[in-house]
Amino acid sequence: MNVVARRRESLIWLLLPTATAAALAAGLYAFGAQHTPDYSIGLFGRTGLGTLSLKSWIATGILALAAVQVLLALRMYGKAFTRVGPPKAVRTTHRAVGVAIFLATLPVAYHCAFAYGVQTHISARVAVHSLAGCFFYGAFAAKVLIVRSSRMPGWALPVAGGTLVALVAVLWSTSAYWYFTTL
């Protein structure tokens, strides 16, 4: 198979994670837009401002772990810190930190989805946060599909990982940063 045919095939394979991301984001948006918010839902026994505080601190931890993910990825691919740790340990740590990030997002996302739903009519900040939250899980699913496939173009994995980190930063800045600087 020539180079052009291989590139075309890898781009075709990229449609699967892209479609998965779009479908999952659209599904979450549809659920959130149709869901009636229940502002009384708590998180780990906290309600009201206590919930916002807890979610803000969890989101800050997620943001810090996302920064660690970037550093680990740079090391894995030989772009930085080439004398730090064996590659297998770095890959294992990268995967473990990714799982920790994903698990930490679940209670926050659950609370956001059921307490607030998707709200695009309150303010630009809330709309951006709602839409980024929907897209985060689609982007996460796409990254998992990309990392598991050898048929993707070489640039797909860094783009997927960078998209996730960017989404974490957007979610944090439209929620935790707002909480810490406003309330």
C-alpha atoms as a PDB file:
ATOM      1  CA  MET A   1       0.000   0.000   0.000  1.00  0.00           C
ATOM      2  CA  ASN A   2       1.450   3.376  -0.935  1.00  0.00           C
ATOM      3  CA  VAL A   3       1.783   6.363   1.363  1.00  0.00           C
ATOM      4  CA  VAL A   4      -1.272   8.190   0.023  1.00  0.00           C
ATOM      5  CA  ALA A   5      -3.478   5.113   0.459  1.00  0.00           C
ATOM      6  CA  ARG A   6      -2.191   4.608   4.031  1.00  0.00           C
ATOM      7  CA  ARG A   7      -2.916   8.250   4.895  1.00  0.00           C
ATOM      8  CA  ARG A   8      -6.408   7.973   3.433  1.00  0.00           C
ATOM      9  CA  GLU A   9      -7.037   4.765   5.413  1.00  0.00           C
ATOM     10  CA  SER A  10      -5.798   6.323   8.662  1.00  0.00           C
ATOM     11  CA  LEU A  11      -8.061   9.336   8.116  1.00  0.00           C
ATOM     12  CA  ILE A  12     -11.005   7.015   7.498  1.00  0.00           C
ATOM     13  CA  TRP A  13     -10.216   5.199  10.747  1.00  0.00           C
ATOM     14  CA  LEU A  14     -10.212   8.589  12.485  1.00  0.00           C
ATOM     15  CA  LEU A  15     -13.913   8.911  11.665  1.00  0.00           C
ATOM     16  CA  LEU A  16     -14.797   6.313  14.332  1.00  0.00           C
ATOM     17  CA  PRO A  17     -13.457   8.244  17.344  1.00  0.00           C
ATOM     18  CA  THR A  18     -14.696  11.514  15.865  1.00  0.00           C
ATOM     19  CA  ALA A  19     -18.203  10.121  15.414  1.00  0.00           C
ATOM     20  CA  THR A  20     -18.085   8.581  18.891  1.00  0.00           C
ATOM     21  CA  ALA A  21     -17.092  11.923  20.414  1.00  0.00           C
ATOM     22  CA  ALA A  22     -19.841  13.742  18.555  1.00  0.00           C
ATOM     23  CA  ALA A  23     -22.504  11.167  19.421  1.00  0.00           C
ATOM     24  CA  LEU A  24     -21.606  11.067  23.118  1.00  0.00           C
ATOM     25  CA  ALA A  25     -21.430  14.864  23.374  1.00  0.00           C
ATOM     26  CA  ALA A  26     -24.766  15.180  21.547  1.00  0.00           C
ATOM     27  CA  GLY A  27     -26.359  12.572  23.808  1.00  0.00           C
ATOM     28  CA  LEU A  28     -25.168  14.318  26.955  1.00  0.00           C
ATOM     29  CA  TYR A  29     -26.345  17.650  25.574  1.00  0.00           C
ATOM     30  CA  ALA A  30     -29.767  16.215  24.727  1.00  0.00           C
ATOM     31  CA  PHE A  31     -30.106  14.708  28.194  1.00  0.00           C
ATOM     32  CA  GLY A  32     -28.958  17.880  29.926  1.00  0.00           C
ATOM     33  CA  ALA A  33     -31.113  20.168  27.820  1.00  0.00           C
ATOM     34  CA  GLN A  34     -34.258  18.085  28.448  1.00  0.00           C
ATOM     35  CA  HIS A  35     -33.541  17.314  32.101  1.00  0.00           C
ATOM     36  CA  THR A  36     -35.380  19.375  34.695  1.00  0.00           C
ATOM     37  CA  PRO A  37     -32.736  20.768  37.077  1.00  0.00           C
ATOM     38  CA  ASP A  38     -33.003  19.719  40.715  1.00  0.00           C
ATOM     39  CA  TYR A  39     -30.969  22.233  42.681  1.00  0.00           C
ATOM     40  CA  SER A  40     -31.455  20.261  45.894  1.00  0.00           C
ATOM     41  CA  ILE A  41     -29.170  17.412  44.771  1.00  0.00           C
ATOM     42  CA  GLY A  42     -26.116  17.194  46.974  1.00  0.00           C
ATOM     43  CA  LEU A  43     -22.600  15.857  46.537  1.00  0.00           C
ATOM     44  CA  PHE A  44     -20.972  13.716  49.231  1.00  0.00           C
ATOM     45  CA  GLY A  45     -23.438  15.084  51.778  1.00  0.00           C
ATOM     46  CA  ARG A  46     -22.938  18.721  50.828  1.00  0.00           C
ATOM     47  CA  THR A  47     -25.526  21.044  49.351  1.00  0.00           C
ATOM     48  CA  GLY A  48     -25.657  24.654  48.188  1.00  0.00           C
ATOM     49  CA  LEU A  49     -22.394  26.588  48.467  1.00  0.00           C
ATOM     50  CA  GLY A  50     -20.751  23.597  50.144  1.00  0.00           C
ATOM     51  CA  THR A  51     -21.275  21.640  46.933  1.00  0.00           C
ATOM     52  CA  LEU A  52     -19.760  24.435  44.855  1.00  0.00           C
ATOM     53  CA  SER A  53     -16.730  24.554  47.146  1.00  0.00           C
ATOM     54  CA  LEU A  54     -16.213  20.794  47.015  1.00  0.00           C
ATOM     55  CA  LYS A  55     -16.610  20.677  43.234  1.00  0.00           C
ATOM     56  CA  SER A  56     -14.183  23.580  42.855  1.00  0.00           C
ATOM     57  CA  TRP A  57     -11.508  21.828  44.876  1.00  0.00           C
ATOM     58  CA  ILE A  58     -12.040  18.548  43.020  1.00  0.00           C
ATOM     59  CA  ALA A  59     -11.820  20.444  39.718  1.00  0.00           C
ATOM     60  CA  THR A  60      -8.594  22.090  40.862  1.00  0.00           C
ATOM     61  CA  GLY A  61      -7.141  18.657  41.603  1.00  0.00           C
ATOM     62  CA  ILE A  62      -8.246  17.477  38.160  1.00  0.00           C
ATOM     63  CA  LEU A  63      -6.548  20.498  36.568  1.00  0.00           C
ATOM     64  CA  ALA A  64      -3.315  19.745  38.448  1.00  0.00           C
ATOM     65  CA  LEU A  65      -3.448  16.103  37.361  1.00  0.00           C
ATOM     66  CA  ALA A  66      -4.070  17.217  33.762  1.00  0.00           C
ATOM     67  CA  ALA A  67      -0.840  19.239  33.945  1.00  0.00           C
ATOM     68  CA  VAL A  68       0.932  16.108  35.215  1.00  0.00           C
ATOM     69  CA  GLN A  69      -0.546  14.219  32.240  1.00  0.00           C
ATOM     70  CA  VAL A  70       1.010  16.718  29.834  1.00  0.00           C
ATOM     71  CA  LEU A  71       4.429  16.321  31.475  1.00  0.00           C
ATOM     72  CA  LEU A  72       4.156  12.529  31.432  1.00  0.00           C
ATOM     73  CA  ALA A  73       3.131  12.558  27.767  1.00  0.00           C
ATOM     74  CA  LEU A  74       6.087  14.775  26.905  1.00  0.00           C
ATOM     75  CA  ARG A  75       8.367  12.290  28.659  1.00  0.00           C
ATOM     76  CA  MET A  76       6.739   9.252  27.021  1.00  0.00           C
ATOM     77  CA  TYR A  77       7.325  10.636  23.562  1.00  0.00           C
ATOM     78  CA  GLY A  78      10.854  11.881  24.272  1.00  0.00           C
ATOM     79  CA  LYS A  79       9.994  15.574  24.015  1.00  0.00           C
ATOM     80  CA  ALA A  80      11.160  16.476  27.541  1.00  0.00           C
ATOM     81  CA  PHE A  81      12.667  15.012  30.714  1.00  0.00           C
ATOM     82  CA  THR A  82      14.411  12.239  28.792  1.00  0.00           C
ATOM     83  CA  ARG A  83      16.480  11.258  31.836  1.00  0.00           C
ATOM     84  CA  VAL A  84      13.490  10.832  34.151  1.00  0.00           C
ATOM     85  CA  GLY A  85      12.266   7.308  34.824  1.00  0.00           C
ATOM     86  CA  PRO A  86      12.034   4.307  32.544  1.00  0.00           C
ATOM     87  CA  PRO A  87       9.464   4.674  29.734  1.00  0.00           C
ATOM     88  CA  LYS A  88       7.314   1.742  30.953  1.00  0.00           C
ATOM     89  CA  ALA A  89       6.923   3.290  34.420  1.00  0.00           C
ATOM     90  CA  VAL A  90       6.053   6.637  32.839  1.00  0.00           C
ATOM     91  CA  ARG A  91       3.405   4.994  30.601  1.00  0.00           C
ATOM     92  CA  THR A  92       1.929   3.151  33.578  1.00  0.00           C
ATOM     93  CA  THR A  93       1.858   6.344  35.631  1.00  0.00           C
ATOM     94  CA  HIS A  94       0.275   8.252  32.724  1.00  0.00           C
ATOM     95  CA  ARG A  95      -2.462   5.649  32.461  1.00  0.00           C
ATOM     96  CA  ALA A  96      -3.057   5.592  36.253  1.00  0.00           C
ATOM     97  CA  VAL A  97      -3.271   9.384  36.414  1.00  0.00           C
ATOM     98  CA  GLY A  98      -5.699   9.344  33.463  1.00  0.00           C
ATOM     99  CA  VAL A  99      -7.923   6.851  35.258  1.00  0.00           C
ATOM    100  CA  ALA A 100      -7.759   8.985  38.427  1.00  0.00           C
ATOM    101  CA  ILE A 101      -8.785  12.074  36.447  1.00  0.00           C
ATOM    102  CA  PHE A 102     -11.680  10.234  34.825  1.00  0.00           C
ATOM    103  CA  LEU A 103     -12.915   8.851  38.152  1.00  0.00           C
ATOM    104  CA  ALA A 104     -12.604  12.269  39.831  1.00  0.00           C
ATOM    105  CA  THR A 105     -14.748  13.843  37.119  1.00  0.00           C
ATOM    106  CA  LEU A 106     -17.646  11.440  37.587  1.00  0.00           C
ATOM    107  CA  PRO A 107     -19.156  12.785  40.838  1.00  0.00           C
ATOM    108  CA  VAL A 108     -18.714  16.358  39.634  1.00  0.00           C
ATOM    109  CA  ALA A 109     -20.333  15.578  36.280  1.00  0.00           C
ATOM    110  CA  TYR A 110     -23.137  13.660  37.981  1.00  0.00           C
ATOM    111  CA  HIS A 111     -23.921  16.642  40.178  1.00  0.00           C
ATOM    112  CA  CYS A 112     -23.727  19.093  37.285  1.00  0.00           C
ATOM    113  CA  ALA A 113     -25.931  16.947  35.048  1.00  0.00           C
ATOM    114  CA  PHE A 114     -28.653  16.239  37.578  1.00  0.00           C
ATOM    115  CA  ALA A 115     -28.609  19.451  39.615  1.00  0.00           C
ATOM    116  CA  TYR A 116     -28.283  21.856  36.693  1.00  0.00           C
ATOM    117  CA  GLY A 117     -28.491  20.066  33.348  1.00  0.00           C
ATOM    118  CA  VAL A 118     -27.262  21.914  30.283  1.00  0.00           C
ATOM    119  CA  GLN A 119     -27.988  25.594  30.636  1.00  0.00           C
ATOM    120  CA  THR A 120     -27.155  27.826  27.712  1.00  0.00           C
ATOM    121  CA  HIS A 121     -29.466  30.722  28.494  1.00  0.00           C
ATOM    122  CA  ILE A 122     -28.096  32.008  31.842  1.00  0.00           C
ATOM    123  CA  SER A 123     -24.749  33.477  30.819  1.00  0.00           C
ATOM    124  CA  ALA A 124     -21.908  32.899  28.391  1.00  0.00           C
ATOM    125  CA  ARG A 125     -19.804  31.382  31.203  1.00  0.00           C
ATOM    126  CA  VAL A 126     -22.490  28.834  32.076  1.00  0.00           C
ATOM    127  CA  ALA A 127     -23.148  28.030  28.420  1.00  0.00           C
ATOM    128  CA  VAL A 128     -19.452  27.441  27.698  1.00  0.00           C
ATOM    129  CA  HIS A 129     -19.159  25.308  30.839  1.00  0.00           C
ATOM    130  CA  SER A 130     -22.214  23.229  29.918  1.00  0.00           C
ATOM    131  CA  LEU A 131     -21.070  22.606  26.362  1.00  0.00           C
ATOM    132  CA  ALA A 132     -17.455  21.854  27.374  1.00  0.00           C
ATOM    133  CA  GLY A 133     -18.758  19.400  29.971  1.00  0.00           C
ATOM    134  CA  CYS A 134     -20.770  17.558  27.325  1.00  0.00           C
ATOM    135  CA  PHE A 135     -17.838  17.448  24.941  1.00  0.00           C
ATOM    136  CA  PHE A 136     -15.320  16.303  27.605  1.00  0.00           C
ATOM    137  CA  TYR A 137     -16.697  12.771  27.813  1.00  0.00           C
ATOM    138  CA  GLY A 138     -16.957  12.493  24.038  1.00  0.00           C
ATOM    139  CA  ALA A 139     -13.338  13.626  23.716  1.00  0.00           C
ATOM    140  CA  PHE A 140     -12.305  11.162  26.413  1.00  0.00           C
ATOM    141  CA  ALA A 141     -13.984   8.280  24.573  1.00  0.00           C
ATOM    142  CA  ALA A 142     -12.316   9.377  21.337  1.00  0.00           C
ATOM    143  CA  LYS A 143      -8.896   9.455  23.001  1.00  0.00           C
ATOM    144  CA  VAL A 144      -9.364   5.929  24.348  1.00  0.00           C
ATOM    145  CA  LEU A 145     -10.284   4.704  20.864  1.00  0.00           C
ATOM    146  CA  ILE A 146      -7.320   6.509  19.328  1.00  0.00           C
ATOM    147  CA  VAL A 147      -4.812   5.205  21.867  1.00  0.00           C
ATOM    148  CA  ARG A 148      -6.041   1.634  21.319  1.00  0.00           C
ATOM    149  CA  SER A 149      -5.683   1.761  17.537  1.00  0.00           C
ATOM    150  CA  SER A 150      -2.538   1.529  15.460  1.00  0.00           C
ATOM    151  CA  ARG A 151      -4.366   2.767  12.362  1.00  0.00           C
ATOM    152  CA  MET A 152      -4.677   6.409  13.358  1.00  0.00           C
ATOM    153  CA  PRO A 153      -2.523   9.193  11.949  1.00  0.00           C
ATOM    154  CA  GLY A 154       0.421  10.062  14.202  1.00  0.00           C
ATOM    155  CA  TRP A 155      -0.956  13.485  15.066  1.00  0.00           C
ATOM    156  CA  ALA A 156      -4.321  12.156  16.316  1.00  0.00           C
ATOM    157  CA  LEU A 157      -3.212  11.118  19.804  1.00  0.00           C
ATOM    158  CA  PRO A 158      -1.502  14.409  20.738  1.00  0.00           C
ATOM    159  CA  VAL A 159      -4.499  16.317  19.377  1.00  0.00           C
ATOM    160  CA  ALA A 160      -6.919  14.173  21.409  1.00  0.00           C
ATOM    161  CA  GLY A 161      -4.829  14.510  24.561  1.00  0.00           C
ATOM    162  CA  GLY A 162      -4.394  18.247  24.029  1.00  0.00           C
ATOM    163  CA  THR A 163      -8.130  18.617  23.493  1.00  0.00           C
ATOM    164  CA  LEU A 164      -8.811  16.900  26.814  1.00  0.00           C
ATOM    165  CA  VAL A 165      -6.349  19.122  28.670  1.00  0.00           C
ATOM    166  CA  ALA A 166      -7.836  22.207  27.007  1.00  0.00           C
ATOM    167  CA  LEU A 167     -11.344  21.104  27.986  1.00  0.00           C
ATOM    168  CA  VAL A 168     -10.243  20.556  31.599  1.00  0.00           C
ATOM    169  CA  ALA A 169      -8.787  24.080  31.596  1.00  0.00           C
ATOM    170  CA  VAL A 170     -11.998  25.545  30.136  1.00  0.00           C
ATOM    171  CA  LEU A 171     -14.158  23.632  32.614  1.00  0.00           C
ATOM    172  CA  TRP A 172     -11.977  24.735  35.533  1.00  0.00           C
ATOM    173  CA  SER A 173     -11.867  28.376  34.433  1.00  0.00           C
ATOM    174  CA  THR A 174     -15.644  28.532  33.963  1.00  0.00           C
ATOM    175  CA  SER A 175     -16.369  26.908  37.314  1.00  0.00           C
ATOM    176  CA  ALA A 176     -13.678  26.653  39.986  1.00  0.00           C
ATOM    177  CA  TYR A 177     -11.852  29.828  38.983  1.00  0.00           C
ATOM    178  CA  TRP A 178     -15.186  31.645  38.917  1.00  0.00           C
ATOM    179  CA  TYR A 179     -16.054  30.238  42.356  1.00  0.00           C
ATOM    180  CA  PHE A 180     -12.671  31.149  43.897  1.00  0.00           C
ATOM    181  CA  THR A 181     -12.703  34.696  42.510  1.00  0.00           C
ATOM    182  CA  THR A 182     -16.399  35.553  42.740  1.00  0.00           C
ATOM    183  CA  LEU A 183     -17.946  33.918  45.802  1.00  0.00           C
END
